[in-house]
């Protein structure tokens, strides 16, 4: 009798354990399913606006998308056709000037912060970079107007490039710093063990190892600069005529989009959509080229 009661207790306890394990398994699976569903829903919510922007821009922008739009100059009001050849070239020039000034400064600043910036000065630079990344672009335009346009006594592509460079620097700096910090410390030790100076190790070994991540930050900086309008209104101003001179006012796609979108003429409104489509395509092409150039050989 005692033996039967003992066996019954063991079986009852074992059954309770199995039931608890089963309930825990069901609870974990349910929690996992709910969290996966929430993450998938978040992805859908994030992607839908992007797809909507692409769809609406493409559907509206195809109206004037033709070869003439790329090779012709803007036409006066009332004349059909015309293009934005000067604005397309001007956008490339402005991004080029901004990149030539801002990218080296941002990359070298990021290297300094990651390799030598564990001090009060480095902390101050990080704080200032974070603050600068949050400053509205129109304020950057006013600053560039004050320090570049006023001393030169005229608007210019160079002033616009300086404004875009200021916008690029904080993004590139912080991205470069974070990517370099992810490189294993053994790389630095190996370089120093071979007798390579620390500065050369940082530039040749560490920077090359982190280049793929740094390229992502460069893309973000270029994409932000390419889509800015307010700084260019205070610096490059715009130009209805063909001009590639760095120290003269120059046209840009964003300024044309701004002017044409708020105009009362339907034809100009449609050309603004086409210019928006071209701007998105340019950013996509630049991103694709960066991905191809920075991909691993293996």
Protein backbone atom coordinates (compact mmCIF):
# COMPACT_ATOMS: atom_id res chain seq x y z
CA UNK A 1 0.00 0.00 0.00
CA UNK A 2 2.79 2.41 0.88
CA UNK A 3 4.59 1.46 -2.30
CA UNK A 4 1.52 2.22 -4.40
CA UNK A 5 1.09 5.60 -2.71
CA UNK A 6 4.76 6.40 -3.29
CA UNK A 7 4.52 5.50 -7.00
CA UNK A 8 1.32 7.54 -7.33
CA UNK A 9 3.04 10.56 -5.76
CA UNK A 10 6.01 10.23 -8.07
CA UNK A 11 3.80 9.97 -11.13
CA UNK A 12 1.69 12.90 -9.99
CA UNK A 13 4.76 15.04 -9.38
CA UNK A 14 6.25 14.04 -12.73
CA UNK A 15 3.00 14.83 -14.50
CA UNK A 16 2.89 18.28 -12.88
CA UNK A 17 6.47 18.91 -14.01
CA UNK A 18 5.62 17.90 -17.58
CA UNK A 19 2.54 20.13 -17.55
CA UNK A 20 4.59 23.09 -16.27
CA UNK A 21 7.24 22.51 -18.94
CA UNK A 22 4.54 22.33 -21.59
CA UNK A 23 2.95 25.57 -20.36
CA UNK A 24 6.34 27.31 -20.27
CA UNK A 25 7.03 26.12 -23.81
CA UNK A 26 3.67 27.43 -25.04
CA UNK A 27 4.25 30.75 -23.25
CA UNK A 28 7.71 31.16 -24.78
CA UNK A 29 6.44 30.29 -28.24
CA UNK A 30 3.54 32.72 -27.88
CA UNK A 31 5.83 35.51 -26.67
CA UNK A 32 8.23 34.82 -29.52
CA UNK A 33 5.39 34.86 -32.06
CA UNK A 34 4.02 38.14 -30.69
CA UNK A 35 7.44 39.84 -30.74
CA UNK A 36 8.21 38.61 -34.26
CA UNK A 37 4.83 39.90 -35.40
CA UNK A 38 5.49 43.30 -33.83
CA UNK A 39 8.93 43.57 -35.46
CA UNK A 40 7.50 42.58 -38.84
CA UNK A 41 4.71 45.13 -38.43
CA UNK A 42 7.30 47.80 -37.57
CA UNK A 43 9.24 46.96 -40.75
CA UNK A 44 6.08 47.25 -42.82
CA UNK A 45 5.19 50.60 -41.21
CA UNK A 46 8.72 51.88 -41.92
CA UNK A 47 8.77 50.66 -45.53
CA UNK A 48 5.27 51.75 -46.60
CA UNK A 49 5.98 55.53 -46.50
CA UNK A 50 9.19 54.97 -48.47
CA UNK A 51 7.37 52.93 -51.12
CA UNK A 52 4.60 55.52 -51.24
CA UNK A 53 7.16 58.31 -51.81
CA UNK A 54 8.83 56.31 -54.58
CA UNK A 55 5.52 55.47 -56.25
CA UNK A 56 4.13 59.00 -56.08
CA UNK A 57 7.37 60.61 -57.24
CA UNK A 58 7.79 58.18 -60.14
CA UNK A 59 4.16 58.47 -61.25
CA UNK A 60 4.29 62.27 -61.15
CA UNK A 61 7.85 62.68 -62.40
CA UNK A 62 7.57 60.65 -65.60
CA UNK A 63 5.58 63.44 -67.26
CA UNK A 64 8.66 65.45 -68.27
CA UNK A 65 11.28 62.70 -68.01
CA UNK A 66 13.00 62.73 -71.41
CA UNK A 67 16.40 63.44 -72.94
CA UNK A 68 15.54 67.11 -73.43
CA UNK A 69 15.14 67.54 -69.67
CA UNK A 70 18.79 66.48 -69.15
CA UNK A 71 20.41 68.49 -71.94
CA UNK A 72 18.26 71.64 -72.22
CA UNK A 73 18.10 74.82 -70.19
CA UNK A 74 14.96 76.07 -68.42
CA UNK A 75 12.45 77.80 -70.67
CA UNK A 76 10.65 81.06 -69.82
CA UNK A 77 7.09 80.95 -68.55
CA UNK A 78 4.63 80.16 -71.32
CA UNK A 79 7.06 78.19 -73.49
CA UNK A 80 6.67 74.42 -73.55
CA UNK A 81 9.48 72.00 -72.82
CA UNK A 82 12.81 72.91 -71.38
CA UNK A 83 15.01 71.10 -68.92
CA UNK A 84 17.33 71.49 -65.97
CA UNK A 85 20.77 70.66 -67.35
CA UNK A 86 22.34 73.53 -65.44
CA UNK A 87 20.72 72.42 -62.17
CA UNK A 88 21.87 68.80 -62.56
CA UNK A 89 25.47 69.82 -63.20
CA UNK A 90 25.26 72.43 -60.46
CA UNK A 91 24.10 69.81 -57.95
CA UNK A 92 27.11 67.62 -58.77
CA UNK A 93 29.44 70.61 -58.37
CA UNK A 94 27.96 71.58 -55.01
CA UNK A 95 28.13 68.02 -53.67
CA UNK A 96 31.69 67.74 -54.98
CA UNK A 97 32.81 70.93 -53.22
CA UNK A 98 31.04 69.94 -50.02
CA UNK A 99 32.55 66.45 -50.11
CA UNK A 100 36.05 67.74 -50.87
CA UNK A 101 35.88 69.96 -47.77
CA UNK A 102 33.72 68.01 -45.36
CA UNK A 103 34.65 64.34 -45.92
CA UNK A 104 38.39 64.59 -45.15
CA UNK A 105 37.70 66.75 -42.09
CA UNK A 106 35.05 64.32 -40.82
CA UNK A 107 37.16 61.20 -41.46
CA UNK A 108 40.32 62.55 -39.81
CA UNK A 109 38.30 63.93 -36.89
CA UNK A 110 36.71 60.49 -36.42
CA UNK A 111 40.14 58.83 -36.49
CA UNK A 112 41.41 61.24 -33.84
CA UNK A 113 38.40 60.66 -31.57
CA UNK A 114 38.65 56.88 -31.86
CA UNK A 115 42.43 56.54 -31.50
CA UNK A 116 43.55 59.54 -29.46
CA UNK A 117 40.37 61.18 -28.15
CA UNK A 118 40.02 59.56 -24.71
CA UNK A 119 40.41 62.89 -22.93
CA UNK A 120 38.44 66.04 -22.13
CA UNK A 121 39.16 67.58 -25.51
CA UNK A 122 37.85 64.46 -27.28
CA UNK A 123 34.69 64.49 -25.14
CA UNK A 124 34.15 68.15 -26.02
CA UNK A 125 34.55 67.45 -29.74
CA UNK A 126 32.07 64.56 -29.54
CA UNK A 127 29.54 66.77 -27.78
CA UNK A 128 29.97 69.54 -30.35
CA UNK A 129 29.61 67.05 -33.23
CA UNK A 130 26.37 65.73 -31.74
CA UNK A 131 25.05 69.27 -31.30
CA UNK A 132 26.07 70.25 -34.83
CA UNK A 133 24.25 67.24 -36.31
CA UNK A 134 21.01 68.48 -34.74
CA UNK A 135 21.27 72.12 -35.81
CA UNK A 136 18.67 73.06 -38.47
CA UNK A 137 20.13 73.40 -41.93
CA UNK A 138 18.75 76.92 -42.35
CA UNK A 139 20.91 78.04 -39.42
CA UNK A 140 23.94 76.50 -41.15
CA UNK A 141 22.96 78.49 -44.26
CA UNK A 142 22.88 81.74 -42.29
CA UNK A 143 26.29 80.98 -40.77
CA UNK A 144 27.78 80.20 -44.19
CA UNK A 145 26.22 83.42 -45.52
CA UNK A 146 27.94 85.35 -42.73
CA UNK A 147 31.40 83.79 -42.97
CA UNK A 148 31.62 83.26 -46.74
CA UNK A 149 29.08 85.28 -48.73
CA UNK A 150 29.45 88.59 -46.90
CA UNK A 151 33.28 88.71 -47.08
CA UNK A 152 33.15 87.76 -50.79
CA UNK A 153 30.32 90.28 -51.43
CA UNK A 154 28.42 87.83 -53.68
CA UNK A 155 26.77 84.42 -53.73
CA UNK A 156 28.75 81.49 -55.11
CA UNK A 157 28.95 77.73 -55.54
CA UNK A 158 31.90 77.74 -53.13
CA UNK A 159 29.72 79.23 -50.37
CA UNK A 160 27.08 76.56 -51.05
CA UNK A 161 29.75 73.85 -50.86
CA UNK A 162 30.96 75.20 -47.50
CA UNK A 163 27.41 75.06 -46.13
CA UNK A 164 26.98 71.47 -47.31
CA UNK A 165 30.39 70.54 -45.88
CA UNK A 166 29.32 71.80 -42.45
CA UNK A 167 26.28 69.52 -42.66
CA UNK A 168 28.41 66.52 -43.70
CA UNK A 169 31.11 66.79 -41.03
CA UNK A 170 29.24 65.62 -37.88
CA UNK A 171 27.69 62.56 -39.57
CA UNK A 172 31.01 61.43 -41.05
CA UNK A 173 32.91 62.15 -37.83
CA UNK A 174 30.67 60.11 -35.54
CA UNK A 175 30.30 57.24 -38.02
CA UNK A 176 34.07 57.05 -38.57
CA UNK A 177 34.71 57.02 -34.84
CA UNK A 178 32.22 54.23 -34.15
CA UNK A 179 33.44 52.08 -37.06
CA UNK A 180 37.10 52.43 -36.05
CA UNK A 181 36.26 51.48 -32.46
CA UNK A 182 34.78 48.22 -33.77
CA UNK A 183 38.11 47.16 -35.31
CA UNK A 184 39.75 44.54 -33.00
CA UNK A 185 42.58 45.89 -30.85
CA UNK A 186 44.79 43.02 -32.01
CA UNK A 187 45.12 44.82 -35.38
CA UNK A 188 46.75 47.76 -33.64
CA UNK A 189 49.02 45.50 -31.61
CA UNK A 190 50.10 43.63 -34.75
CA UNK A 191 50.99 46.88 -36.52
CA UNK A 192 52.95 48.19 -33.56
CA UNK A 193 54.73 44.81 -33.18
CA UNK A 194 55.94 45.13 -36.77
CA UNK A 195 57.43 48.53 -35.96
CA UNK A 196 54.77 50.57 -37.81
CA UNK A 197 54.14 54.00 -36.22
CA UNK A 198 50.78 54.42 -34.53
CA UNK A 199 49.60 57.13 -36.95
CA UNK A 200 50.47 54.93 -39.93
CA UNK A 201 48.76 51.94 -38.34
CA UNK A 202 45.61 54.03 -37.93
CA UNK A 203 45.61 55.28 -41.53
CA UNK A 204 46.78 52.15 -43.37
CA UNK A 205 45.45 49.23 -41.32
CA UNK A 206 42.62 50.44 -39.08
CA UNK A 207 41.04 52.85 -41.58
CA UNK A 208 41.11 50.22 -44.33
CA UNK A 209 39.47 47.64 -42.05
CA UNK A 210 36.68 50.04 -41.09
CA UNK A 211 36.22 51.54 -44.56
CA UNK A 212 33.02 49.68 -45.38
CA UNK A 213 31.21 51.11 -42.36
CA UNK A 214 32.69 54.56 -42.93
CA UNK A 215 31.36 54.47 -46.51
CA UNK A 216 27.84 54.09 -45.09
CA UNK A 217 28.31 57.27 -43.08
CA UNK A 218 29.62 59.05 -46.16
CA UNK A 219 26.51 57.99 -48.08
CA UNK A 220 24.26 59.34 -45.34
CA UNK A 221 26.14 62.64 -45.34
CA UNK A 222 25.98 62.98 -49.13
CA UNK A 223 22.28 62.07 -49.18
CA UNK A 224 21.51 64.72 -46.57
CA UNK A 225 23.58 67.37 -48.36
CA UNK A 226 22.06 66.56 -51.76
CA UNK A 227 18.55 67.11 -50.44
CA UNK A 228 19.13 70.43 -48.68
CA UNK A 229 17.54 73.61 -49.99
CA UNK A 230 17.66 76.23 -47.22
CA UNK A 231 21.48 76.54 -47.01
CA UNK A 232 21.73 76.98 -50.79
CA UNK A 233 19.19 79.80 -50.79
CA UNK A 234 21.57 81.78 -48.55
CA UNK A 235 24.80 80.78 -50.32
CA UNK A 236 24.63 79.46 -53.91
CA UNK A 237 21.34 81.36 -54.52
CA UNK A 238 20.57 79.78 -57.92
CA UNK A 239 21.08 80.64 -61.56
CA UNK A 240 18.73 80.50 -64.56
CA UNK A 241 21.68 80.37 -66.94
CA UNK A 242 24.48 77.90 -67.59
CA UNK A 243 27.31 78.37 -65.12
CA UNK A 244 30.00 76.07 -63.74
CA UNK A 245 32.12 78.77 -62.11
CA UNK A 246 32.85 78.03 -58.49
CA UNK A 247 32.85 81.68 -57.40
CA UNK A 248 29.58 82.61 -59.13
CA UNK A 249 25.93 81.77 -58.27
CA UNK A 250 25.01 78.31 -59.48
CA UNK A 251 21.81 76.36 -60.07
CA UNK A 252 20.80 73.26 -58.10
CA UNK A 253 17.97 70.76 -58.29
CA UNK A 254 16.69 71.43 -54.78
CA UNK A 255 16.36 75.18 -55.35
CA UNK A 256 14.60 74.55 -58.67
CA UNK A 257 12.22 72.12 -56.95
CA UNK A 258 11.48 74.75 -54.32
CA UNK A 259 10.88 77.52 -56.87
CA UNK A 260 8.89 75.40 -59.32
CA UNK A 261 6.75 73.64 -56.70
CA UNK A 262 5.44 76.92 -55.24
CA UNK A 263 4.86 78.58 -58.59
CA UNK A 264 1.29 79.04 -59.92
CA UNK A 265 2.15 77.42 -63.29
CA UNK A 266 1.10 73.80 -63.80
CA UNK A 267 3.98 73.07 -66.18
CA UNK A 268 6.54 74.19 -63.61
CA UNK A 269 4.84 72.11 -60.94
CA UNK A 270 5.17 69.02 -63.13
CA UNK A 271 8.82 69.78 -63.82
CA UNK A 272 9.39 70.02 -60.07
CA UNK A 273 8.19 66.40 -59.75
CA UNK A 274 10.57 65.34 -62.52
CA UNK A 275 13.45 67.11 -60.79
CA UNK A 276 12.53 65.30 -57.55
CA UNK A 277 12.62 61.97 -59.38
CA UNK A 278 16.06 62.78 -60.84
CA UNK A 279 17.37 63.79 -57.41
CA UNK A 280 16.23 60.49 -55.89
CA UNK A 281 17.77 58.59 -58.82
CA UNK A 282 21.10 60.43 -58.40
CA UNK A 283 21.26 59.56 -54.71
CA UNK A 284 20.40 55.92 -55.50
CA UNK A 285 23.11 55.73 -58.17
CA UNK A 286 25.71 57.23 -55.83
CA UNK A 287 24.72 54.72 -53.14
CA UNK A 288 25.00 51.83 -55.60
CA UNK A 289 28.44 52.97 -56.76
CA UNK A 290 29.66 53.21 -53.17
CA UNK A 291 28.38 49.71 -52.45
CA UNK A 292 30.19 48.33 -55.50
CA UNK A 293 33.45 50.14 -54.77
CA UNK A 294 33.54 49.20 -51.07
CA UNK A 295 32.40 45.59 -51.32
CA UNK A 296 34.78 42.87 -50.21
CA UNK A 297 36.79 40.96 -52.80
CA UNK A 298 36.03 37.67 -51.07
